[in-house]
Amino acid sequence: MQKRFPPVHALVAFEAAARSSSFAVAANQLCITPSALSHRIRLLEEFVGDRLFIRDGRAPALTPFGRSYLEVVCTALQTLTDFPMPGRASPVQPRIKITVPPTFARYLLLPRLASFTSAHPEIAVDVFLSVPLYDLALSESDLEVRFGAGKYPDLETLKLLEEPAFPVASPAYLERIGGIASPAELAKATLLRSALEPWKCWFEVAGLDWPEPATGVRIDDLGLLLEAVRLGQGVGLTRQHFSQEMIARGEVVELFDIRLASPPHAYYVVYEQGTKLRPEVQLFVDWLLASYAGA
């Protein structure tokens, strides 16, 4: 039977929390958020099958099992620490972990990221993906870019980018349904739905007293939604940064000169309140805000 080993990052979190008697202090020492540290300790507790800390609102205290297990963990970590390694003297590279939605990563972050890495080659950047509106708990990343309404309790929230929303369709789809000359003629079209880009607000701007579509395909990824439009599956709402290349190539066309100036969702940078950003993380936040200012 294959052996299961405890996750090392969880062992380190456990040792740090036990040594400092504070999850907040331990999280700061490990350069992670308190919720990330709590997650790692819960992961270790699930692995060992017993509680390690007593959490009663005061400073966390070790359980009897936790005290016994701590001795084993400290011995194991010390053995790993004392093992001679040739490259140990090398300085640790500053690292930023950022979690972003897939469409933002593809169309907005990656085309600009080289300007940050060129200016700060000493900082490593790790990019992770999340699903908008679903992954609502801040992960073990230092920062997240979220696409939503900007209401995130207990998180620091900075608006990064807001763009008007407008409907697009492929030329082949328009030809197939006989064209769309006015907003009212959308009644004969298939409207692709998304919780990220609801139609109701655009209907109001276009003078249509229509409810939010409740049937048909729903795609909760803005890049996939635009791809469905390009493939001729219906009409969808999009934004300039996502669609400009397809529009330039003639793969999709903007239907009307009617745009929703302030859609219900925008991109925000979020991180935990009270978290003191490390210098490299603050540099990245400043770079993000400057990169998309006026975009």
C-alpha atoms as a PDB file:
ATOM      1  CA  MET A   1       0.000   0.000   0.000  1.00  0.00           C
ATOM      2  CA  GLN A   2       1.319   3.422  -0.959  1.00  0.00           C
ATOM      3  CA  LYS A   3       2.266   5.565   2.027  1.00  0.00           C
ATOM      4  CA  ARG A   4       0.513   8.873   2.594  1.00  0.00           C
ATOM      5  CA  PHE A   5       2.740  11.671   3.826  1.00  0.00           C
ATOM      6  CA  PRO A   6       1.500  14.753   5.666  1.00  0.00           C
ATOM      7  CA  PRO A   7       1.678  17.968   3.577  1.00  0.00           C
ATOM      8  CA  VAL A   8       4.913  19.732   4.470  1.00  0.00           C
ATOM      9  CA  HIS A   9       3.414  23.235   4.132  1.00  0.00           C
ATOM     10  CA  ALA A  10       0.788  22.232   6.714  1.00  0.00           C
ATOM     11  CA  LEU A  11       3.469  20.906   9.091  1.00  0.00           C
ATOM     12  CA  VAL A  12       5.343  24.209   8.828  1.00  0.00           C
ATOM     13  CA  ALA A  13       2.136  26.157   9.520  1.00  0.00           C
ATOM     14  CA  PHE A  14       1.416  23.968  12.558  1.00  0.00           C
ATOM     15  CA  GLU A  15       4.917  24.450  13.981  1.00  0.00           C
ATOM     16  CA  ALA A  16       4.807  28.226  13.448  1.00  0.00           C
ATOM     17  CA  ALA A  17       1.368  28.572  15.061  1.00  0.00           C
ATOM     18  CA  ALA A  18       2.371  26.422  18.033  1.00  0.00           C
ATOM     19  CA  ARG A  19       5.636  28.301  18.516  1.00  0.00           C
ATOM     20  CA  SER A  20       4.034  31.760  18.385  1.00  0.00           C
ATOM     21  CA  SER A  21       0.679  30.849  20.024  1.00  0.00           C
ATOM     22  CA  SER A  22      -0.942  33.080  17.426  1.00  0.00           C
ATOM     23  CA  PHE A  23      -2.319  32.283  13.987  1.00  0.00           C
ATOM     24  CA  ALA A  24      -1.913  35.927  12.941  1.00  0.00           C
ATOM     25  CA  VAL A  25       1.746  36.088  13.987  1.00  0.00           C
ATOM     26  CA  ALA A  26       2.498  32.736  12.363  1.00  0.00           C
ATOM     27  CA  ALA A  27       0.793  33.802   9.135  1.00  0.00           C
ATOM     28  CA  ASN A  28       2.871  36.978   9.044  1.00  0.00           C
ATOM     29  CA  GLN A  29       6.082  34.988   9.604  1.00  0.00           C
ATOM     30  CA  LEU A  30       5.202  32.654   6.730  1.00  0.00           C
ATOM     31  CA  CYS A  31       4.076  35.532   4.466  1.00  0.00           C
ATOM     32  CA  ILE A  32       0.583  34.068   4.011  1.00  0.00           C
ATOM     33  CA  THR A  33      -2.853  35.219   5.131  1.00  0.00           C
ATOM     34  CA  PRO A  34      -4.361  34.103   8.465  1.00  0.00           C
ATOM     35  CA  SER A  35      -7.147  32.283   6.622  1.00  0.00           C
ATOM     36  CA  ALA A  36      -4.554  30.428   4.530  1.00  0.00           C
ATOM     37  CA  LEU A  37      -2.740  29.371   7.694  1.00  0.00           C
ATOM     38  CA  SER A  38      -6.027  28.185   9.249  1.00  0.00           C
ATOM     39  CA  HIS A  39      -6.735  26.221   6.084  1.00  0.00           C
ATOM     40  CA  ARG A  40      -3.351  24.479   6.296  1.00  0.00           C
ATOM     41  CA  ILE A  41      -3.872  23.532   9.928  1.00  0.00           C
ATOM     42  CA  ARG A  42      -7.354  22.167   9.182  1.00  0.00           C
ATOM     43  CA  LEU A  43      -5.796  20.158   6.368  1.00  0.00           C
ATOM     44  CA  LEU A  44      -3.277  18.660   8.796  1.00  0.00           C
ATOM     45  CA  GLU A  45      -5.999  17.913  11.353  1.00  0.00           C
ATOM     46  CA  GLU A  46      -7.937  16.042   8.671  1.00  0.00           C
ATOM     47  CA  PHE A  47      -4.781  14.089   7.847  1.00  0.00           C
ATOM     48  CA  VAL A  48      -4.022  13.057  11.436  1.00  0.00           C
ATOM     49  CA  GLY A  49      -7.682  12.572  12.339  1.00  0.00           C
ATOM     50  CA  ASP A  50      -7.589  14.653  15.511  1.00  0.00           C
ATOM     51  CA  ARG A  51      -7.637  18.257  16.639  1.00  0.00           C
ATOM     52  CA  LEU A  52      -4.313  20.000  17.148  1.00  0.00           C
ATOM     53  CA  PHE A  53      -5.531  23.262  18.695  1.00  0.00           C
ATOM     54  CA  ILE A  54      -8.279  24.336  21.063  1.00  0.00           C
ATOM     55  CA  ARG A  55      -9.999  27.332  19.470  1.00  0.00           C
ATOM     56  CA  ASP A  56     -12.181  29.089  22.029  1.00  0.00           C
ATOM     57  CA  GLY A  57     -11.790  32.738  21.012  1.00  0.00           C
ATOM     58  CA  ARG A  58      -8.583  33.245  22.959  1.00  0.00           C
ATOM     59  CA  ALA A  59      -5.056  32.463  21.829  1.00  0.00           C
ATOM     60  CA  PRO A  60      -5.001  28.973  20.278  1.00  0.00           C
ATOM     61  CA  ALA A  61      -3.773  26.319  22.702  1.00  0.00           C
ATOM     62  CA  LEU A  62      -2.432  22.901  21.795  1.00  0.00           C
ATOM     63  CA  THR A  63      -4.536  19.855  22.577  1.00  0.00           C
ATOM     64  CA  PRO A  64      -2.802  16.946  24.390  1.00  0.00           C
ATOM     65  CA  PHE A  65      -2.467  15.210  21.030  1.00  0.00           C
ATOM     66  CA  GLY A  66      -1.188  18.438  19.494  1.00  0.00           C
ATOM     67  CA  ARG A  67       1.596  18.704  22.082  1.00  0.00           C
ATOM     68  CA  SER A  68       2.708  15.131  21.397  1.00  0.00           C
ATOM     69  CA  TYR A  69       2.536  15.574  17.644  1.00  0.00           C
ATOM     70  CA  LEU A  70       4.444  18.872  17.833  1.00  0.00           C
ATOM     71  CA  GLU A  71       7.521  17.075  19.199  1.00  0.00           C
ATOM     72  CA  VAL A  72       7.512  14.696  16.237  1.00  0.00           C
ATOM     73  CA  VAL A  73       6.960  17.528  13.760  1.00  0.00           C
ATOM     74  CA  CYS A  74       9.746  19.696  15.210  1.00  0.00           C
ATOM     75  CA  THR A  75      12.174  16.773  15.077  1.00  0.00           C
ATOM     76  CA  ALA A  76      11.285  16.037  11.457  1.00  0.00           C
ATOM     77  CA  LEU A  77      11.522  19.678  10.365  1.00  0.00           C
ATOM     78  CA  GLN A  78      14.830  20.121  12.185  1.00  0.00           C
ATOM     79  CA  THR A  79      16.207  17.046  10.399  1.00  0.00           C
ATOM     80  CA  LEU A  80      15.221  18.533   7.057  1.00  0.00           C
ATOM     81  CA  THR A  81      16.650  21.920   8.026  1.00  0.00           C
ATOM     82  CA  ASP A  82      19.986  20.481   9.151  1.00  0.00           C
ATOM     83  CA  PHE A  83      20.507  18.398   6.035  1.00  0.00           C
ATOM     84  CA  PRO A  84      23.422  19.976   4.069  1.00  0.00           C
ATOM     85  CA  MET A  85      22.333  21.526   0.765  1.00  0.00           C
ATOM     86  CA  PRO A  86      24.822  23.080  -1.717  1.00  0.00           C
ATOM     87  CA  GLY A  87      22.546  25.902  -2.782  1.00  0.00           C
ATOM     88  CA  ARG A  88      21.311  26.805   0.665  1.00  0.00           C
ATOM     89  CA  ALA A  89      23.234  30.066   0.781  1.00  0.00           C
ATOM     90  CA  SER A  90      21.366  31.394  -2.247  1.00  0.00           C
ATOM     91  CA  PRO A  91      18.989  34.254  -1.390  1.00  0.00           C
ATOM     92  CA  VAL A  92      15.268  33.486  -1.475  1.00  0.00           C
ATOM     93  CA  GLN A  93      13.609  35.131  -4.476  1.00  0.00           C
ATOM     94  CA  PRO A  94      10.662  37.411  -3.624  1.00  0.00           C
ATOM     95  CA  ARG A  95       7.478  35.812  -4.953  1.00  0.00           C
ATOM     96  CA  ILE A  96       3.961  37.062  -5.639  1.00  0.00           C
ATOM     97  CA  LYS A  97       0.972  34.728  -5.878  1.00  0.00           C
ATOM     98  CA  ILE A  98      -2.010  36.205  -7.692  1.00  0.00           C
ATOM     99  CA  THR A  99      -5.291  34.507  -8.535  1.00  0.00           C
ATOM    100  CA  VAL A 100      -7.254  35.847 -11.504  1.00  0.00           C
ATOM    101  CA  PRO A 101     -10.238  34.857 -13.664  1.00  0.00           C
ATOM    102  CA  PRO A 102      -9.286  33.018 -16.882  1.00  0.00           C
ATOM    103  CA  THR A 103     -10.533  35.699 -19.298  1.00  0.00           C
ATOM    104  CA  PHE A 104      -8.763  38.461 -17.375  1.00  0.00           C
ATOM    105  CA  ALA A 105      -5.561  36.414 -17.434  1.00  0.00           C
ATOM    106  CA  ARG A 106      -5.722  35.838 -21.182  1.00  0.00           C
ATOM    107  CA  TYR A 107      -6.851  39.220 -22.472  1.00  0.00           C
ATOM    108  CA  LEU A 108      -5.746  41.710 -19.819  1.00  0.00           C
ATOM    109  CA  LEU A 109      -2.951  40.381 -17.593  1.00  0.00           C
ATOM    110  CA  LEU A 110      -0.631  38.364 -19.842  1.00  0.00           C
ATOM    111  CA  PRO A 111      -0.313  41.029 -22.584  1.00  0.00           C
ATOM    112  CA  ARG A 112       0.934  43.476 -19.914  1.00  0.00           C
ATOM    113  CA  LEU A 113       2.768  41.186 -17.497  1.00  0.00           C
ATOM    114  CA  ALA A 114       6.114  41.428 -19.309  1.00  0.00           C
ATOM    115  CA  SER A 115       6.324  45.108 -18.417  1.00  0.00           C
ATOM    116  CA  PHE A 116       6.280  44.202 -14.709  1.00  0.00           C
ATOM    117  CA  THR A 117       8.702  41.275 -14.967  1.00  0.00           C
ATOM    118  CA  SER A 118      11.078  43.359 -17.084  1.00  0.00           C
ATOM    119  CA  ALA A 119      11.042  46.173 -14.525  1.00  0.00           C
ATOM    120  CA  HIS A 120      11.372  43.749 -11.579  1.00  0.00           C
ATOM    121  CA  PRO A 121      13.242  40.637 -12.766  1.00  0.00           C
ATOM    122  CA  GLU A 122      14.123  39.804  -9.164  1.00  0.00           C
ATOM    123  CA  ILE A 123      10.446  39.092  -8.327  1.00  0.00           C
ATOM    124  CA  ALA A 124       8.812  35.805  -9.335  1.00  0.00           C
ATOM    125  CA  VAL A 125       5.118  35.933 -10.247  1.00  0.00           C
ATOM    126  CA  ASP A 126       2.858  32.887  -9.854  1.00  0.00           C
ATOM    127  CA  VAL A 127      -0.487  33.167 -11.664  1.00  0.00           C
ATOM    128  CA  PHE A 128      -3.404  30.961 -10.603  1.00  0.00           C
ATOM    129  CA  LEU A 129      -6.912  30.783 -12.056  1.00  0.00           C
ATOM    130  CA  SER A 130     -10.270  31.045 -10.303  1.00  0.00           C
ATOM    131  CA  VAL A 131     -13.896  30.897 -11.444  1.00  0.00           C
ATOM    132  CA  PRO A 132     -15.690  34.256 -10.969  1.00  0.00           C
ATOM    133  CA  LEU A 133     -18.650  34.296  -8.562  1.00  0.00           C
ATOM    134  CA  TYR A 134     -17.815  30.776  -7.323  1.00  0.00           C
ATOM    135  CA  ASP A 135     -14.358  30.939  -5.697  1.00  0.00           C
ATOM    136  CA  LEU A 136     -15.359  33.533  -3.096  1.00  0.00           C
ATOM    137  CA  ALA A 137     -12.933  32.549  -0.328  1.00  0.00           C
ATOM    138  CA  LEU A 138      -9.544  34.201  -0.613  1.00  0.00           C
ATOM    139  CA  SER A 139      -7.111  31.447  -1.471  1.00  0.00           C
ATOM    140  CA  GLU A 140      -3.500  31.106  -0.393  1.00  0.00           C
ATOM    141  CA  SER A 141      -2.611  33.803  -2.917  1.00  0.00           C
ATOM    142  CA  ASP A 142      -1.336  37.191  -1.837  1.00  0.00           C
ATOM    143  CA  LEU A 143      -3.809  38.928  -4.136  1.00  0.00           C
ATOM    144  CA  GLU A 144      -6.867  38.120  -6.184  1.00  0.00           C
ATOM    145  CA  VAL A 145      -8.440  39.876  -9.137  1.00  0.00           C
ATOM    146  CA  ARG A 146     -12.190  39.310  -8.960  1.00  0.00           C
ATOM    147  CA  PHE A 147     -14.899  40.028 -11.478  1.00  0.00           C
ATOM    148  CA  GLY A 148     -18.032  40.959  -9.582  1.00  0.00           C
ATOM    149  CA  ALA A 149     -20.009  43.657  -7.810  1.00  0.00           C
ATOM    150  CA  GLY A 150     -17.087  44.702  -5.571  1.00  0.00           C
ATOM    151  CA  LYS A 151     -18.862  43.800  -2.327  1.00  0.00           C
ATOM    152  CA  TYR A 152     -16.485  41.549  -0.419  1.00  0.00           C
ATOM    153  CA  PRO A 153     -16.898  41.736   3.381  1.00  0.00           C
ATOM    154  CA  ASP A 154     -13.688  41.759   5.418  1.00  0.00           C
ATOM    155  CA  LEU A 155     -11.516  42.273   2.324  1.00  0.00           C
ATOM    156  CA  GLU A 156      -9.643  45.304   1.075  1.00  0.00           C
ATOM    157  CA  THR A 157     -11.128  46.071  -2.350  1.00  0.00           C
ATOM    158  CA  LEU A 158      -9.679  48.313  -5.078  1.00  0.00           C
ATOM    159  CA  LYS A 159     -11.496  48.813  -8.374  1.00  0.00           C
ATOM    160  CA  LEU A 160      -9.149  47.908 -11.184  1.00  0.00           C
ATOM    161  CA  LEU A 161     -11.094  48.127 -14.426  1.00  0.00           C
ATOM    162  CA  GLU A 162     -14.613  48.881 -15.607  1.00  0.00           C
ATOM    163  CA  GLU A 163     -15.621  48.800 -19.247  1.00  0.00           C
ATOM    164  CA  PRO A 164     -18.920  49.334 -21.069  1.00  0.00           C
ATOM    165  CA  ALA A 165     -20.793  46.209 -22.140  1.00  0.00           C
ATOM    166  CA  PHE A 166     -22.330  45.797 -25.603  1.00  0.00           C
ATOM    167  CA  PRO A 167     -23.894  43.006 -27.711  1.00  0.00           C
ATOM    168  CA  VAL A 168     -21.990  41.234 -30.498  1.00  0.00           C
ATOM    169  CA  ALA A 169     -22.759  38.476 -32.982  1.00  0.00           C
ATOM    170  CA  SER A 170     -20.941  36.674 -35.781  1.00  0.00           C
ATOM    171  CA  PRO A 171     -21.663  37.707 -39.402  1.00  0.00           C
ATOM    172  CA  ALA A 172     -22.667  34.120 -40.206  1.00  0.00           C
ATOM    173  CA  TYR A 173     -25.224  34.071 -37.386  1.00  0.00           C
ATOM    174  CA  LEU A 174     -26.689  37.419 -38.466  1.00  0.00           C
ATOM    175  CA  GLU A 175     -27.034  36.175 -42.021  1.00  0.00           C
ATOM    176  CA  ARG A 176     -28.725  32.999 -40.811  1.00  0.00           C
ATOM    177  CA  ILE A 177     -31.447  34.847 -38.868  1.00  0.00           C
ATOM    178  CA  GLY A 178     -31.936  37.622 -41.443  1.00  0.00           C
ATOM    179  CA  GLY A 179     -29.977  40.369 -39.666  1.00  0.00           C
ATOM    180  CA  ILE A 180     -30.734  42.524 -36.613  1.00  0.00           C
ATOM    181  CA  ALA A 181     -31.477  46.175 -37.424  1.00  0.00           C
ATOM    182  CA  SER A 182     -32.712  47.382 -34.024  1.00  0.00           C
ATOM    183  CA  PRO A 183     -32.602  46.273 -30.369  1.00  0.00           C
ATOM    184  CA  ALA A 184     -36.223  45.107 -30.587  1.00  0.00           C
ATOM    185  CA  GLU A 185     -35.202  42.574 -33.248  1.00  0.00           C
ATOM    186  CA  LEU A 186     -33.145  40.756 -30.626  1.00  0.00           C
ATOM    187  CA  ALA A 187     -36.449  39.017 -29.924  1.00  0.00           C
ATOM    188  CA  LYS A 188     -35.701  36.674 -32.816  1.00  0.00           C
ATOM    189  CA  ALA A 189     -32.135  35.955 -31.690  1.00  0.00           C
ATOM    190  CA  THR A 190     -30.709  33.429 -29.258  1.00  0.00           C
ATOM    191  CA  LEU A 191     -29.356  35.434 -26.339  1.00  0.00           C
ATOM    192  CA  LEU A 192     -26.393  33.742 -24.681  1.00  0.00           C
ATOM    193  CA  ARG A 193     -26.663  34.100 -20.919  1.00  0.00           C
ATOM    194  CA  SER A 194     -24.091  34.625 -18.184  1.00  0.00           C
ATOM    195  CA  ALA A 195     -24.326  35.504 -14.509  1.00  0.00           C
ATOM    196  CA  LEU A 196     -21.187  37.552 -15.124  1.00  0.00           C
ATOM    197  CA  GLU A 197     -22.783  39.675 -17.860  1.00  0.00           C
ATOM    198  CA  PRO A 198     -26.569  39.916 -17.294  1.00  0.00           C
ATOM    199  CA  TRP A 199     -28.763  41.375 -20.036  1.00  0.00           C
ATOM    200  CA  LYS A 200     -31.308  43.253 -17.915  1.00  0.00           C
ATOM    201  CA  CYS A 201     -29.242  46.425 -17.409  1.00  0.00           C
ATOM    202  CA  TRP A 202     -28.387  46.660 -21.119  1.00  0.00           C
ATOM    203  CA  PHE A 203     -32.073  46.157 -22.010  1.00  0.00           C
ATOM    204  CA  GLU A 204     -32.942  49.204 -19.908  1.00  0.00           C
ATOM    205  CA  VAL A 205     -30.327  51.378 -21.630  1.00  0.00           C
ATOM    206  CA  ALA A 206     -31.637  50.184 -25.019  1.00  0.00           C
ATOM    207  CA  GLY A 207     -35.228  51.094 -24.093  1.00  0.00           C
ATOM    208  CA  LEU A 208     -36.412  47.488 -23.820  1.00  0.00           C
ATOM    209  CA  ASP A 209     -38.693  46.538 -20.939  1.00  0.00           C
ATOM    210  CA  TRP A 210     -37.626  42.901 -21.058  1.00  0.00           C
ATOM    211  CA  PRO A 211     -36.874  40.511 -18.188  1.00  0.00           C
ATOM    212  CA  GLU A 212     -33.535  38.748 -17.823  1.00  0.00           C
ATOM    213  CA  PRO A 213     -33.462  35.737 -20.188  1.00  0.00           C
ATOM    214  CA  ALA A 214     -34.161  32.533 -18.278  1.00  0.00           C
ATOM    215  CA  THR A 215     -33.678  29.868 -20.943  1.00  0.00           C
ATOM    216  CA  GLY A 216     -30.938  28.845 -23.342  1.00  0.00           C
ATOM    217  CA  VAL A 217     -27.228  28.304 -22.933  1.00  0.00           C
ATOM    218  CA  ARG A 218     -25.576  29.880 -19.868  1.00  0.00           C
ATOM    219  CA  ILE A 219     -21.790  30.293 -19.850  1.00  0.00           C
ATOM    220  CA  ASP A 220     -20.125  31.692 -16.747  1.00  0.00           C
ATOM    221  CA  ASP A 221     -16.787  32.419 -18.375  1.00  0.00           C
ATOM    222  CA  LEU A 222     -16.512  35.578 -20.447  1.00  0.00           C
ATOM    223  CA  GLY A 223     -13.907  34.140 -22.815  1.00  0.00           C
ATOM    224  CA  LEU A 224     -16.006  31.048 -23.513  1.00  0.00           C
ATOM    225  CA  LEU A 225     -19.086  33.221 -23.957  1.00  0.00           C
ATOM    226  CA  LEU A 226     -17.303  35.252 -26.623  1.00  0.00           C
ATOM    227  CA  GLU A 227     -16.085  32.060 -28.291  1.00  0.00           C
ATOM    228  CA  ALA A 228     -19.688  30.824 -28.464  1.00  0.00           C
ATOM    229  CA  VAL A 229     -20.616  34.096 -30.180  1.00  0.00           C
ATOM    230  CA  ARG A 230     -17.779  33.680 -32.668  1.00  0.00           C
ATOM    231  CA  LEU A 231     -18.995  30.162 -33.447  1.00  0.00           C
ATOM    232  CA  GLY A 232     -22.411  31.517 -34.368  1.00  0.00           C
ATOM    233  CA  GLN A 233     -24.358  30.186 -31.400  1.00  0.00           C
ATOM    234  CA  GLY A 234     -26.145  33.444 -30.607  1.00  0.00           C
ATOM    235  CA  VAL A 235     -25.765  37.033 -29.411  1.00  0.00           C
ATOM    236  CA  GLY A 236     -23.741  37.813 -26.296  1.00  0.00           C
ATOM    237  CA  LEU A 237     -22.620  40.773 -24.244  1.00  0.00           C
ATOM    238  CA  THR A 238     -18.911  41.529 -24.195  1.00  0.00           C
ATOM    239  CA  ARG A 239     -16.396  44.326 -23.592  1.00  0.00           C
ATOM    240  CA  GLN A 240     -13.780  46.078 -25.667  1.00  0.00           C
ATOM    241  CA  HIS A 241     -10.636  44.444 -24.295  1.00  0.00           C
ATOM    242  CA  PHE A 242     -12.060  40.983 -24.872  1.00  0.00           C
ATOM    243  CA  SER A 243     -13.583  41.460 -28.304  1.00  0.00           C
ATOM    244  CA  GLN A 244     -11.390  44.038 -30.056  1.00  0.00           C
ATOM    245  CA  GLU A 245      -9.239  41.465 -31.880  1.00  0.00           C
ATOM    246  CA  MET A 246     -12.254  39.470 -33.071  1.00  0.00           C
ATOM    247  CA  ILE A 247     -13.973  42.684 -34.187  1.00  0.00           C
ATOM    248  CA  ALA A 248     -10.852  43.782 -36.061  1.00  0.00           C
ATOM    249  CA  ARG A 249     -10.718  40.410 -37.834  1.00  0.00           C
ATOM    250  CA  GLY A 250     -14.413  40.555 -38.674  1.00  0.00           C
ATOM    251  CA  GLU A 251     -15.207  37.427 -36.662  1.00  0.00           C
ATOM    252  CA  VAL A 252     -17.812  39.260 -34.579  1.00  0.00           C
ATOM    253  CA  VAL A 253     -19.532  42.623 -35.041  1.00  0.00           C
ATOM    254  CA  GLU A 254     -20.950  45.121 -32.575  1.00  0.00           C
ATOM    255  CA  LEU A 255     -24.686  45.284 -33.254  1.00  0.00           C
ATOM    256  CA  PHE A 256     -25.660  48.788 -32.141  1.00  0.00           C
ATOM    257  CA  ASP A 257     -24.192  52.070 -30.986  1.00  0.00           C
ATOM    258  CA  ILE A 258     -25.653  51.387 -27.531  1.00  0.00           C
ATOM    259  CA  ARG A 259     -23.331  50.550 -24.648  1.00  0.00           C
ATOM    260  CA  LEU A 260     -23.969  50.013 -20.967  1.00  0.00           C
ATOM    261  CA  ALA A 261     -21.511  52.516 -19.467  1.00  0.00           C
ATOM    262  CA  SER A 262     -21.481  51.068 -15.936  1.00  0.00           C
ATOM    263  CA  PRO A 263     -22.237  47.337 -15.957  1.00  0.00           C
ATOM    264  CA  PRO A 264     -23.053  45.671 -12.625  1.00  0.00           C
ATOM    265  CA  HIS A 265     -19.706  43.847 -12.617  1.00  0.00           C
ATOM    266  CA  ALA A 266     -16.139  45.126 -12.856  1.00  0.00           C
ATOM    267  CA  TYR A 267     -12.642  43.885 -12.014  1.00  0.00           C
ATOM    268  CA  TYR A 268     -11.332  44.426  -8.478  1.00  0.00           C
ATOM    269  CA  VAL A 269      -8.066  43.691  -6.679  1.00  0.00           C
ATOM    270  CA  VAL A 270      -8.770  42.173  -3.269  1.00  0.00           C
ATOM    271  CA  TYR A 271      -6.717  41.066  -0.285  1.00  0.00           C
ATOM    272  CA  GLU A 272      -7.412  40.477   3.377  1.00  0.00           C
ATOM    273  CA  GLN A 273      -8.016  43.469   5.629  1.00  0.00           C
ATOM    274  CA  GLY A 274      -5.170  44.215   7.969  1.00  0.00           C
ATOM    275  CA  THR A 275      -2.721  42.240   5.889  1.00  0.00           C
ATOM    276  CA  LYS A 276       0.508  44.186   5.641  1.00  0.00           C
ATOM    277  CA  LEU A 277       1.520  43.833   2.028  1.00  0.00           C
ATOM    278  CA  ARG A 278       5.097  42.800   1.455  1.00  0.00           C
ATOM    279  CA  PRO A 279       7.120  45.277  -0.637  1.00  0.00           C
ATOM    280  CA  GLU A 280       7.004  43.102  -3.768  1.00  0.00           C
ATOM    281  CA  VAL A 281       3.233  42.648  -3.414  1.00  0.00           C
ATOM    282  CA  GLN A 282       2.685  46.381  -2.958  1.00  0.00           C
ATOM    283  CA  LEU A 283       4.799  46.960  -6.074  1.00  0.00           C
ATOM    284  CA  PHE A 284       2.546  44.604  -8.013  1.00  0.00           C
ATOM    285  CA  VAL A 285      -0.646  46.276  -6.737  1.00  0.00           C
ATOM    286  CA  ASP A 286       0.706  49.689  -7.733  1.00  0.00           C
ATOM    287  CA  TRP A 287       1.673  48.309 -11.149  1.00  0.00           C
ATOM    288  CA  LEU A 288      -1.805  46.827 -11.671  1.00  0.00           C
ATOM    289  CA  LEU A 289      -3.547  50.077 -10.783  1.00  0.00           C
ATOM    290  CA  ALA A 290      -1.238  52.119 -13.015  1.00  0.00           C
ATOM    291  CA  SER A 291      -1.530  49.658 -15.914  1.00  0.00           C
ATOM    292  CA  TYR A 292      -5.307  49.839 -16.060  1.00  0.00           C
ATOM    293  CA  ALA A 293      -5.788  53.476 -15.090  1.00  0.00           C
ATOM    294  CA  GLY A 294      -7.895  54.989 -17.851  1.00  0.00           C
ATOM    295  CA  ALA A 295      -7.969  51.713 -19.802  1.00  0.00           C
END
